[in-house]
PDB file of all heavy atoms in Angstrom:
ATOM      1  N   LYS A   1      22.067  17.142 -19.697  1.00  0.00           N
ATOM      2  CA  LYS A   1      21.593  18.465 -19.329  1.00  0.00           C
ATOM      3  C   LYS A   1      21.814  19.421 -20.509  1.00  0.00           C
ATOM      4  O   LYS A   1      22.919  19.515 -21.038  1.00  0.00           O
ATOM      5  CB  LYS A   1      22.314  18.979 -18.087  1.00  0.00           C
ATOM      6  CG  LYS A   1      21.987  18.193 -16.817  1.00  0.00           C
ATOM      7  CD  LYS A   1      22.657  18.815 -15.604  1.00  0.00           C
ATOM      8  CE  LYS A   1      22.277  18.068 -14.322  1.00  0.00           C
ATOM      9  NZ  LYS A   1      22.933  18.663 -13.123  1.00  0.00           N
ATOM     10  N   LEU A   2      20.749  20.141 -20.876  1.00  0.00           N
ATOM     11  CA  LEU A   2      20.848  21.024 -22.019  1.00  0.00           C
ATOM     12  C   LEU A   2      21.857  22.147 -21.800  1.00  0.00           C
ATOM     13  O   LEU A   2      22.509  22.615 -22.740  1.00  0.00           O
ATOM     14  CB  LEU A   2      19.476  21.617 -22.355  1.00  0.00           C
ATOM     15  CG  LEU A   2      18.529  20.691 -23.110  1.00  0.00           C
ATOM     16  CD1 LEU A   2      17.173  21.375 -23.307  1.00  0.00           C
ATOM     17  CD2 LEU A   2      19.118  20.319 -24.465  1.00  0.00           C
ATOM     18  N   GLY A   3      21.999  22.592 -20.562  1.00  0.00           N
ATOM     19  CA  GLY A   3      22.990  23.612 -20.272  1.00  0.00           C
ATOM     20  C   GLY A   3      24.391  23.134 -20.591  1.00  0.00           C
ATOM     21  O   GLY A   3      25.210  23.878 -21.153  1.00  0.00           O
ATOM     22  N   ASP A   4      24.682  21.874 -20.258  1.00  0.00           N
ATOM     23  CA  ASP A   4      25.990  21.300 -20.567  1.00  0.00           C
ATOM     24  C   ASP A   4      26.151  21.116 -22.071  1.00  0.00           C
ATOM     25  O   ASP A   4      27.213  21.376 -22.635  1.00  0.00           O
ATOM     26  CB  ASP A   4      26.157  19.951 -19.864  1.00  0.00           C
ATOM     27  CG  ASP A   4      26.241  20.083 -18.351  1.00  0.00           C
ATOM     28  OD1 ASP A   4      26.666  21.160 -17.874  1.00  0.00           O
ATOM     29  OD2 ASP A   4      25.884  19.119 -17.652  1.00  0.00           O
ATOM     30  N   SER A   5      25.094  20.662 -22.740  1.00  0.00           N
ATOM     31  CA  SER A   5      25.144  20.466 -24.186  1.00  0.00           C
ATOM     32  C   SER A   5      25.436  21.781 -24.896  1.00  0.00           C
ATOM     33  O   SER A   5      26.246  21.842 -25.831  1.00  0.00           O
ATOM     34  CB  SER A   5      23.811  19.895 -24.684  1.00  0.00           C
ATOM     35  OG  SER A   5      23.808  19.772 -26.092  1.00  0.00           O
ATOM     36  N   THR A   6      24.791  22.852 -24.436  1.00  0.00           N
ATOM     37  CA  THR A   6      24.995  24.172 -25.027  1.00  0.00           C
ATOM     38  C   THR A   6      26.441  24.627 -24.861  1.00  0.00           C
ATOM     39  O   THR A   6      27.090  25.073 -25.811  1.00  0.00           O
ATOM     40  CB  THR A   6      24.050  25.187 -24.361  1.00  0.00           C
ATOM     41  OG1 THR A   6      22.705  24.722 -24.488  1.00  0.00           O
ATOM     42  CG2 THR A   6      24.180  26.558 -25.002  1.00  0.00           C
ATOM     43  N   ARG A   7      26.935  24.516 -23.647  1.00  0.00           N
ATOM     44  CA  ARG A   7      28.298  24.964 -23.355  1.00  0.00           C
ATOM     45  C   ARG A   7      29.322  24.162 -24.143  1.00  0.00           C
ATOM     46  O   ARG A   7      30.275  24.727 -24.710  1.00  0.00           O
ATOM     47  CB  ARG A   7      28.558  24.825 -21.849  1.00  0.00           C
ATOM     48  CG  ARG A   7      29.983  25.114 -21.423  1.00  0.00           C
ATOM     49  CD  ARG A   7      30.121  24.965 -19.912  1.00  0.00           C
ATOM     50  NE  ARG A   7      29.579  23.692 -19.427  1.00  0.00           N
ATOM     51  CZ  ARG A   7      30.236  22.536 -19.490  1.00  0.00           C
ATOM     52  NH1 ARG A   7      31.448  22.473 -20.036  1.00  0.00           N
ATOM     53  NH2 ARG A   7      29.681  21.435 -19.026  1.00  0.00           N
ATOM     54  N   VAL A   8      29.135  22.849 -24.220  1.00  0.00           N
ATOM     55  CA  VAL A   8      30.112  21.981 -24.889  1.00  0.00           C
ATOM     56  C   VAL A   8      30.127  22.225 -26.389  1.00  0.00           C
ATOM     57  O   VAL A   8      31.202  22.242 -27.014  1.00  0.00           O
ATOM     58  CB  VAL A   8      29.824  20.507 -24.563  1.00  0.00           C
ATOM     59  CG1 VAL A   8      30.636  19.581 -25.456  1.00  0.00           C
ATOM     60  CG2 VAL A   8      30.137  20.233 -23.098  1.00  0.00           C
ATOM     61  N   VAL A   9      28.960  22.406 -27.012  1.00  0.00           N
ATOM     62  CA  VAL A   9      28.962  22.637 -28.459  1.00  0.00           C
ATOM     63  C   VAL A   9      29.627  23.977 -28.782  1.00  0.00           C
ATOM     64  O   VAL A   9      30.363  24.098 -29.768  1.00  0.00           O
ATOM     65  CB  VAL A   9      27.537  22.557 -29.052  1.00  0.00           C
ATOM     66  CG1 VAL A   9      26.720  23.815 -28.765  1.00  0.00           C
ATOM     67  CG2 VAL A   9      27.601  22.323 -30.556  1.00  0.00           C
ATOM     68  N   ASN A  10      29.414  24.976 -27.936  1.00  0.00           N
ATOM     69  CA  ASN A  10      30.074  26.262 -28.155  1.00  0.00           C
ATOM     70  C   ASN A  10      31.588  26.130 -28.000  1.00  0.00           C
ATOM     71  O   ASN A  10      32.363  26.674 -28.809  1.00  0.00           O
ATOM     72  CB  ASN A  10      29.537  27.303 -27.181  1.00  0.00           C
ATOM     73  CG  ASN A  10      30.145  28.673 -27.409  1.00  0.00           C
ATOM     74  OD1 ASN A  10      29.904  29.308 -28.419  1.00  0.00           O
ATOM     75  ND2 ASN A  10      30.958  29.125 -26.465  1.00  0.00           N
ATOM     76  N   GLN A  11      32.017  25.401 -26.992  1.00  0.00           N
ATOM     77  CA  GLN A  11      33.451  25.186 -26.800  1.00  0.00           C
ATOM     78  C   GLN A  11      34.058  24.443 -27.986  1.00  0.00           C
ATOM     79  O   GLN A  11      35.163  24.753 -28.431  1.00  0.00           O
ATOM     80  CB  GLN A  11      33.695  24.411 -25.505  1.00  0.00           C
ATOM     81  CG  GLN A  11      33.438  25.223 -24.241  1.00  0.00           C
ATOM     82  CD  GLN A  11      33.608  24.390 -22.976  1.00  0.00           C
ATOM     83  OE1 GLN A  11      33.649  23.148 -23.026  1.00  0.00           O
ATOM     84  NE2 GLN A  11      33.683  25.058 -21.837  1.00  0.00           N
ATOM     85  N   GLY A  12      33.306  23.466 -28.496  1.00  0.00           N
ATOM     86  CA  GLY A  12      33.800  22.704 -29.644  1.00  0.00           C
ATOM     87  C   GLY A  12      33.989  23.586 -30.864  1.00  0.00           C
ATOM     88  O   GLY A  12      35.002  23.482 -31.572  1.00  0.00           O
ATOM     89  N   TRP A  13      33.023  24.466 -31.102  1.00  0.00           N
ATOM     90  CA  TRP A  13      33.155  25.369 -32.246  1.00  0.00           C
ATOM     91  C   TRP A  13      34.324  26.334 -32.066  1.00  0.00           C
ATOM     92  O   TRP A  13      35.057  26.603 -33.014  1.00  0.00           O
ATOM     93  CB  TRP A  13      31.854  26.154 -32.432  1.00  0.00           C
ATOM     94  CG  TRP A  13      30.725  25.321 -32.981  1.00  0.00           C
ATOM     95  CD1 TRP A  13      30.831  24.108 -33.618  1.00  0.00           C
ATOM     96  CD2 TRP A  13      29.330  25.626 -32.936  1.00  0.00           C
ATOM     97  NE1 TRP A  13      29.591  23.648 -33.981  1.00  0.00           N
ATOM     98  CE2 TRP A  13      28.645  24.560 -33.578  1.00  0.00           C
ATOM     99  CE3 TRP A  13      28.584  26.679 -32.426  1.00  0.00           C
ATOM    100  CZ2 TRP A  13      27.261  24.535 -33.718  1.00  0.00           C
ATOM    101  CZ3 TRP A  13      27.207  26.669 -32.564  1.00  0.00           C
ATOM    102  CH2 TRP A  13      26.542  25.604 -33.207  1.00  0.00           C
ATOM    103  N   MET A  14      34.514  26.818 -30.849  1.00  0.00           N
ATOM    104  CA  MET A  14      35.546  27.822 -30.623  1.00  0.00           C
ATOM    105  C   MET A  14      36.945  27.227 -30.493  1.00  0.00           C
ATOM    106  O   MET A  14      37.937  27.958 -30.445  1.00  0.00           O
ATOM    107  CB  MET A  14      35.204  28.655 -29.381  1.00  0.00           C
ATOM    108  CG  MET A  14      33.937  29.490 -29.543  1.00  0.00           C
ATOM    109  SD  MET A  14      33.921  30.503 -31.062  1.00  0.00           S
ATOM    110  CE  MET A  14      35.281  31.605 -30.719  1.00  0.00           C
ATOM    111  N   THR A  15      37.048  25.913 -30.425  1.00  0.00           N
ATOM    112  CA  THR A  15      38.381  25.279 -30.466  1.00  0.00           C
ATOM    113  C   THR A  15      38.694  24.744 -31.859  1.00  0.00           C
ATOM    114  O   THR A  15      39.739  24.125 -32.057  1.00  0.00           O
ATOM    115  CB  THR A  15      38.470  24.129 -29.438  1.00  0.00           C
ATOM    116  OG1 THR A  15      37.404  23.196 -29.657  1.00  0.00           O
ATOM    117  CG2 THR A  15      38.378  24.661 -28.015  1.00  0.00           C
ATOM    118  N   SER A  16      37.813  24.998 -32.799  1.00  0.00           N
ATOM    119  CA  SER A  16      38.023  24.622 -34.192  1.00  0.00           C
ATOM    120  C   SER A  16      38.274  25.891 -34.999  1.00  0.00           C
ATOM    121  O   SER A  16      37.437  26.806 -35.014  1.00  0.00           O
ATOM    122  CB  SER A  16      36.799  23.891 -34.743  1.00  0.00           C
ATOM    123  OG  SER A  16      36.767  23.916 -36.153  1.00  0.00           O
ATOM    124  N   ALA A  17      39.411  25.968 -35.658  1.00  0.00           N
ATOM    125  CA  ALA A  17      39.747  27.171 -36.429  1.00  0.00           C
ATOM    126  C   ALA A  17      38.710  27.443 -37.506  1.00  0.00           C
ATOM    127  O   ALA A  17      38.342  28.601 -37.759  1.00  0.00           O
ATOM    128  CB  ALA A  17      41.135  27.009 -37.043  1.00  0.00           C
ATOM    129  N   GLU A  18      38.221  26.397 -38.144  1.00  0.00           N
ATOM    130  CA  GLU A  18      37.246  26.566 -39.220  1.00  0.00           C
ATOM    131  C   GLU A  18      35.935  27.139 -38.699  1.00  0.00           C
ATOM    132  O   GLU A  18      35.358  28.062 -39.284  1.00  0.00           O
ATOM    133  CB  GLU A  18      36.998  25.233 -39.915  1.00  0.00           C
ATOM    134  CG  GLU A  18      36.003  25.303 -41.058  1.00  0.00           C
ATOM    135  CD  GLU A  18      35.752  23.953 -41.705  1.00  0.00           C
ATOM    136  OE1 GLU A  18      36.326  22.945 -41.233  1.00  0.00           O
ATOM    137  OE2 GLU A  18      34.982  23.900 -42.670  1.00  0.00           O
ATOM    138  N   HIS A  19      35.457  26.596 -37.582  1.00  0.00           N
ATOM    139  CA  HIS A  19      34.199  27.070 -37.017  1.00  0.00           C
ATOM    140  C   HIS A  19      34.349  28.471 -36.423  1.00  0.00           C
ATOM    141  O   HIS A  19      33.460  29.314 -36.571  1.00  0.00           O
ATOM    142  CB  HIS A  19      33.699  26.101 -35.956  1.00  0.00           C
ATOM    143  CG  HIS A  19      33.274  24.773 -36.501  1.00  0.00           C
ATOM    144  ND1 HIS A  19      34.147  23.739 -36.691  1.00  0.00           N
ATOM    145  CD2 HIS A  19      32.057  24.315 -36.905  1.00  0.00           C
ATOM    146  CE1 HIS A  19      33.503  22.684 -37.188  1.00  0.00           C
ATOM    147  NE2 HIS A  19      32.236  23.019 -37.339  1.00  0.00           N
ATOM    148  N   THR A  20      35.470  28.708 -35.759  1.00  0.00           N
ATOM    149  CA  THR A  20      35.705  30.026 -35.179  1.00  0.00           C
ATOM    150  C   THR A  20      35.749  31.095 -36.261  1.00  0.00           C
ATOM    151  O   THR A  20      35.248  32.217 -36.080  1.00  0.00           O
ATOM    152  CB  THR A  20      37.016  30.033 -34.378  1.00  0.00           C
ATOM    153  OG1 THR A  20      36.926  29.075 -33.319  1.00  0.00           O
ATOM    154  CG2 THR A  20      37.284  31.406 -33.779  1.00  0.00           C
ATOM    155  N   ALA A  21      36.324  30.766 -37.417  1.00  0.00           N
ATOM    156  CA  ALA A  21      36.403  31.726 -38.517  1.00  0.00           C
ATOM    157  C   ALA A  21      35.013  32.125 -38.994  1.00  0.00           C
ATOM    158  O   ALA A  21      34.782  33.283 -39.374  1.00  0.00           O
ATOM    159  CB  ALA A  21      37.209  31.131 -39.664  1.00  0.00           C
ATOM    160  N   ILE A  22      34.080  31.190 -38.982  1.00  0.00           N
ATOM    161  CA  ILE A  22      32.708  31.499 -39.387  1.00  0.00           C
ATOM    162  C   ILE A  22      32.029  32.367 -38.329  1.00  0.00           C
ATOM    163  O   ILE A  22      31.424  33.397 -38.638  1.00  0.00           O
ATOM    164  CB  ILE A  22      31.906  30.201 -39.617  1.00  0.00           C
ATOM    165  CG1 ILE A  22      32.467  29.433 -40.814  1.00  0.00           C
ATOM    166  CG2 ILE A  22      30.420  30.510 -39.819  1.00  0.00           C
ATOM    167  CD1 ILE A  22      31.835  28.084 -41.034  1.00  0.00           C
ATOM    168  N   ILE A  23      32.148  31.969 -37.069  1.00  0.00           N
ATOM    169  CA  ILE A  23      31.483  32.687 -35.981  1.00  0.00           C
ATOM    170  C   ILE A  23      32.001  34.124 -35.869  1.00  0.00           C
ATOM    171  O   ILE A  23      31.243  35.056 -35.610  1.00  0.00           O
ATOM    172  CB  ILE A  23      31.665  31.929 -34.657  1.00  0.00           C
ATOM    173  CG1 ILE A  23      30.858  30.613 -34.705  1.00  0.00           C
ATOM    174  CG2 ILE A  23      31.243  32.774 -33.459  1.00  0.00           C
ATOM    175  CD1 ILE A  23      31.132  29.678 -33.556  1.00  0.00           C
ATOM    176  N   ARG A  24      33.298  34.300 -36.085  1.00  0.00           N
ATOM    177  CA  ARG A  24      33.905  35.628 -35.934  1.00  0.00           C
ATOM    178  C   ARG A  24      34.153  36.325 -37.280  1.00  0.00           C
ATOM    179  O   ARG A  24      34.911  37.289 -37.359  1.00  0.00           O
ATOM    180  CB  ARG A  24      35.211  35.511 -35.148  1.00  0.00           C
ATOM    181  CG  ARG A  24      34.970  35.222 -33.663  1.00  0.00           C
ATOM    182  CD  ARG A  24      36.254  35.119 -32.895  1.00  0.00           C
ATOM    183  NE  ARG A  24      35.999  35.089 -31.444  1.00  0.00           N
ATOM    184  CZ  ARG A  24      36.902  34.775 -30.528  1.00  0.00           C
ATOM    185  NH1 ARG A  24      38.150  34.453 -30.892  1.00  0.00           N
ATOM    186  NH2 ARG A  24      36.590  34.786 -29.245  1.00  0.00           N
ATOM    187  N   SER A  25      33.478  35.884 -38.293  1.00  0.00           N
ATOM    188  CA  SER A  25      33.633  36.523 -39.598  1.00  0.00           C
ATOM    189  C   SER A  25      33.004  37.912 -39.590  1.00  0.00           C
ATOM    190  O   SER A  25      31.968  38.145 -38.958  1.00  0.00           O
ATOM    191  CB  SER A  25      32.973  35.668 -40.685  1.00  0.00           C
ATOM    192  OG  SER A  25      32.959  36.356 -41.915  1.00  0.00           O
ATOM    193  N   THR A  26      33.619  38.837 -40.312  1.00  0.00           N
ATOM    194  CA  THR A  26      33.045  40.173 -40.478  1.00  0.00           C
ATOM    195  C   THR A  26      32.091  40.234 -41.669  1.00  0.00           C
ATOM    196  O   THR A  26      31.544  41.293 -41.968  1.00  0.00           O
ATOM    197  CB  THR A  26      34.167  41.212 -40.672  1.00  0.00           C
ATOM    198  OG1 THR A  26      34.935  40.853 -41.834  1.00  0.00           O
ATOM    199  CG2 THR A  26      35.077  41.261 -39.451  1.00  0.00           C
ATOM    200  N   ALA A  27      31.901  39.108 -42.343  1.00  0.00           N
ATOM    201  CA  ALA A  27      31.061  39.095 -43.545  1.00  0.00           C
ATOM    202  C   ALA A  27      29.576  39.054 -43.214  1.00  0.00           C
ATOM    203  O   ALA A  27      28.753  39.498 -44.015  1.00  0.00           O
ATOM    204  CB  ALA A  27      31.420  37.893 -44.422  1.00  0.00           C
ATOM    205  N   TYR A  28      29.204  38.511 -42.051  1.00  0.00           N
ATOM    206  CA  TYR A  28      27.799  38.213 -41.781  1.00  0.00           C
ATOM    207  C   TYR A  28      27.130  39.311 -40.958  1.00  0.00           C
ATOM    208  O   TYR A  28      27.775  40.037 -40.197  1.00  0.00           O
ATOM    209  CB  TYR A  28      27.685  36.876 -41.058  1.00  0.00           C
ATOM    210  CG  TYR A  28      28.331  35.737 -41.818  1.00  0.00           C
ATOM    211  CD1 TYR A  28      29.360  34.976 -41.246  1.00  0.00           C
ATOM    212  CD2 TYR A  28      27.944  35.432 -43.119  1.00  0.00           C
ATOM    213  CE1 TYR A  28      29.965  33.940 -41.947  1.00  0.00           C
ATOM    214  CE2 TYR A  28      28.542  34.405 -43.825  1.00  0.00           C
ATOM    215  CZ  TYR A  28      29.554  33.668 -43.234  1.00  0.00           C
ATOM    216  OH  TYR A  28      30.152  32.652 -43.937  1.00  0.00           O
ATOM    217  N   ASN A  29      25.809  39.401 -41.086  1.00  0.00           N
ATOM    218  CA  ASN A  29      25.040  40.344 -40.269  1.00  0.00           C
ATOM    219  C   ASN A  29      23.838  39.704 -39.571  1.00  0.00           C
ATOM    220  O   ASN A  29      23.296  40.281 -38.633  1.00  0.00           O
ATOM    221  CB  ASN A  29      24.597  41.559 -41.083  1.00  0.00           C
ATOM    222  CG  ASN A  29      23.924  41.196 -42.407  1.00  0.00           C
ATOM    223  OD1 ASN A  29      23.630  40.034 -42.674  1.00  0.00           O
ATOM    224  ND2 ASN A  29      23.683  42.202 -43.248  1.00  0.00           N
ATOM    225  N   TYR A  30      23.404  38.521 -40.027  1.00  0.00           N
ATOM    226  CA  TYR A  30      22.288  37.813 -39.396  1.00  0.00           C
ATOM    227  C   TYR A  30      22.680  36.362 -39.123  1.00  0.00           C
ATOM    228  O   TYR A  30      23.568  35.813 -39.789  1.00  0.00           O
ATOM    229  CB  TYR A  30      21.050  37.824 -40.302  1.00  0.00           C
ATOM    230  CG  TYR A  30      20.403  39.177 -40.444  1.00  0.00           C
ATOM    231  CD1 TYR A  30      20.628  39.972 -41.565  1.00  0.00           C
ATOM    232  CD2 TYR A  30      19.554  39.656 -39.465  1.00  0.00           C
ATOM    233  CE1 TYR A  30      20.037  41.216 -41.699  1.00  0.00           C
ATOM    234  CE2 TYR A  30      18.948  40.903 -39.590  1.00  0.00           C
ATOM    235  CZ  TYR A  30      19.195  41.673 -40.700  1.00  0.00           C
ATOM    236  OH  TYR A  30      18.609  42.909 -40.830  1.00  0.00           O
ATOM    237  N   PHE A  31      22.002  35.759 -38.142  1.00  0.00           N
ATOM    238  CA  PHE A  31      22.199  34.332 -37.912  1.00  0.00           C
ATOM    239  C   PHE A  31      20.946  33.716 -37.314  1.00  0.00           C
ATOM    240  O   PHE A  31      20.030  34.420 -36.866  1.00  0.00           O
ATOM    241  CB  PHE A  31      23.440  34.063 -37.057  1.00  0.00           C
ATOM    242  CG  PHE A  31      23.319  34.352 -35.572  1.00  0.00           C
ATOM    243  CD1 PHE A  31      23.871  33.477 -34.648  1.00  0.00           C
ATOM    244  CD2 PHE A  31      22.718  35.498 -35.088  1.00  0.00           C
ATOM    245  CE1 PHE A  31      23.802  33.735 -33.281  1.00  0.00           C
ATOM    246  CE2 PHE A  31      22.648  35.770 -33.733  1.00  0.00           C
ATOM    247  CZ  PHE A  31      23.198  34.872 -32.818  1.00  0.00           C
ATOM    248  N   GLY A  32      20.901  32.387 -37.374  1.00  0.00           N
ATOM    249  CA  GLY A  32      19.800  31.635 -36.797  1.00  0.00           C
ATOM    250  C   GLY A  32      20.327  30.378 -36.149  1.00  0.00           C
ATOM    251  O   GLY A  32      21.420  29.899 -36.492  1.00  0.00           O
ATOM    252  N   LEU A  33      19.571  29.826 -35.211  1.00  0.00           N
ATOM    253  CA  LEU A  33      20.045  28.681 -34.435  1.00  0.00           C
ATOM    254  C   LEU A  33      18.921  27.676 -34.237  1.00  0.00           C
ATOM    255  O   LEU A  33      17.766  28.059 -34.030  1.00  0.00           O
ATOM    256  CB  LEU A  33      20.547  29.169 -33.068  1.00  0.00           C
ATOM    257  CG  LEU A  33      21.426  28.219 -32.279  1.00  0.00           C
ATOM    258  CD1 LEU A  33      22.811  28.144 -32.903  1.00  0.00           C
ATOM    259  CD2 LEU A  33      21.543  28.678 -30.847  1.00  0.00           C
ATOM    260  N   GLY A  34      19.265  26.386 -34.316  1.00  0.00           N
ATOM    261  CA  GLY A  34      18.266  25.343 -34.102  1.00  0.00           C
ATOM    262  C   GLY A  34      18.846  24.122 -33.426  1.00  0.00           C
ATOM    263  O   GLY A  34      19.988  23.735 -33.702  1.00  0.00           O
ATOM    264  N   LEU A  35      18.068  23.517 -32.546  1.00  0.00           N
ATOM    265  CA  LEU A  35      18.456  22.307 -31.822  1.00  0.00           C
ATOM    266  C   LEU A  35      17.487  21.188 -32.159  1.00  0.00           C
ATOM    267  O   LEU A  35      16.264  21.371 -32.133  1.00  0.00           O
ATOM    268  CB  LEU A  35      18.434  22.573 -30.309  1.00  0.00           C
ATOM    269  CG  LEU A  35      18.543  21.365 -29.382  1.00  0.00           C
ATOM    270  CD1 LEU A  35      19.882  20.645 -29.558  1.00  0.00           C
ATOM    271  CD2 LEU A  35      18.350  21.794 -27.921  1.00  0.00           C
ATOM    272  N   GLY A  36      18.033  20.027 -32.483  1.00  0.00           N
ATOM    273  CA  GLY A  36      17.224  18.833 -32.699  1.00  0.00           C
ATOM    274  C   GLY A  36      17.615  17.761 -31.698  1.00  0.00           C
ATOM    275  O   GLY A  36      18.807  17.538 -31.464  1.00  0.00           O
ATOM    276  N   ILE A  37      16.639  17.104 -31.093  1.00  0.00           N
ATOM    277  CA  ILE A  37      16.899  16.110 -30.042  1.00  0.00           C
ATOM    278  C   ILE A  37      16.241  14.788 -30.418  1.00  0.00           C
ATOM    279  O   ILE A  37      15.048  14.753 -30.757  1.00  0.00           O
ATOM    280  CB  ILE A  37      16.367  16.590 -28.678  1.00  0.00           C
ATOM    281  CG1 ILE A  37      16.975  17.955 -28.312  1.00  0.00           C
ATOM    282  CG2 ILE A  37      16.676  15.561 -27.589  1.00  0.00           C
ATOM    283  CD1 ILE A  37      16.402  18.542 -27.034  1.00  0.00           C
ATOM    284  N   THR A  38      16.995  13.721 -30.366  1.00  0.00           N
ATOM    285  CA  THR A  38      16.444  12.404 -30.679  1.00  0.00           C
ATOM    286  C   THR A  38      15.752  11.809 -29.453  1.00  0.00           C
ATOM    287  O   THR A  38      15.901  12.307 -28.328  1.00  0.00           O
ATOM    288  CB  THR A  38      17.541  11.448 -31.141  1.00  0.00           C
ATOM    289  OG1 THR A  38      18.400  11.146 -30.028  1.00  0.00           O
ATOM    290  CG2 THR A  38      18.360  12.047 -32.271  1.00  0.00           C
ATOM    291  N   ALA A  39      15.026  10.727 -29.672  1.00  0.00           N
ATOM    292  CA  ALA A  39      14.332  10.052 -28.570  1.00  0.00           C
ATOM    293  C   ALA A  39      15.317   9.502 -27.547  1.00  0.00           C
ATOM    294  O   ALA A  39      14.973   9.337 -26.369  1.00  0.00           O
ATOM    295  CB  ALA A  39      13.462   8.928 -29.125  1.00  0.00           C
ATOM    296  N   THR A  40      16.539   9.236 -27.963  1.00  0.00           N
ATOM    297  CA  THR A  40      17.551   8.700 -27.053  1.00  0.00           C
ATOM    298  C   THR A  40      18.431   9.790 -26.439  1.00  0.00           C
ATOM    299  O   THR A  40      19.369   9.481 -25.705  1.00  0.00           O
ATOM    300  CB  THR A  40      18.449   7.680 -27.787  1.00  0.00           C
ATOM    301  OG1 THR A  40      19.024   8.310 -28.939  1.00  0.00           O
ATOM    302  CG2 THR A  40      17.627   6.472 -28.225  1.00  0.00           C
ATOM    303  N   GLY A  41      18.135  11.034 -26.741  1.00  0.00           N
ATOM    304  CA  GLY A  41      18.837  12.131 -26.073  1.00  0.00           C
ATOM    305  C   GLY A  41      20.018  12.713 -26.810  1.00  0.00           C
ATOM    306  O   GLY A  41      20.749  13.536 -26.244  1.00  0.00           O
TER     307      GLY A  41
END
């Protein structure tokens, strides 16, 4: 389920200090997002 995939990837980033530092950085002003899905899901 894409809803679960979305929630889990966000949780994964926010439980990683390195990823959280990027997401909560004061340096950035723009962002973009993309999802790629394989034939096997």
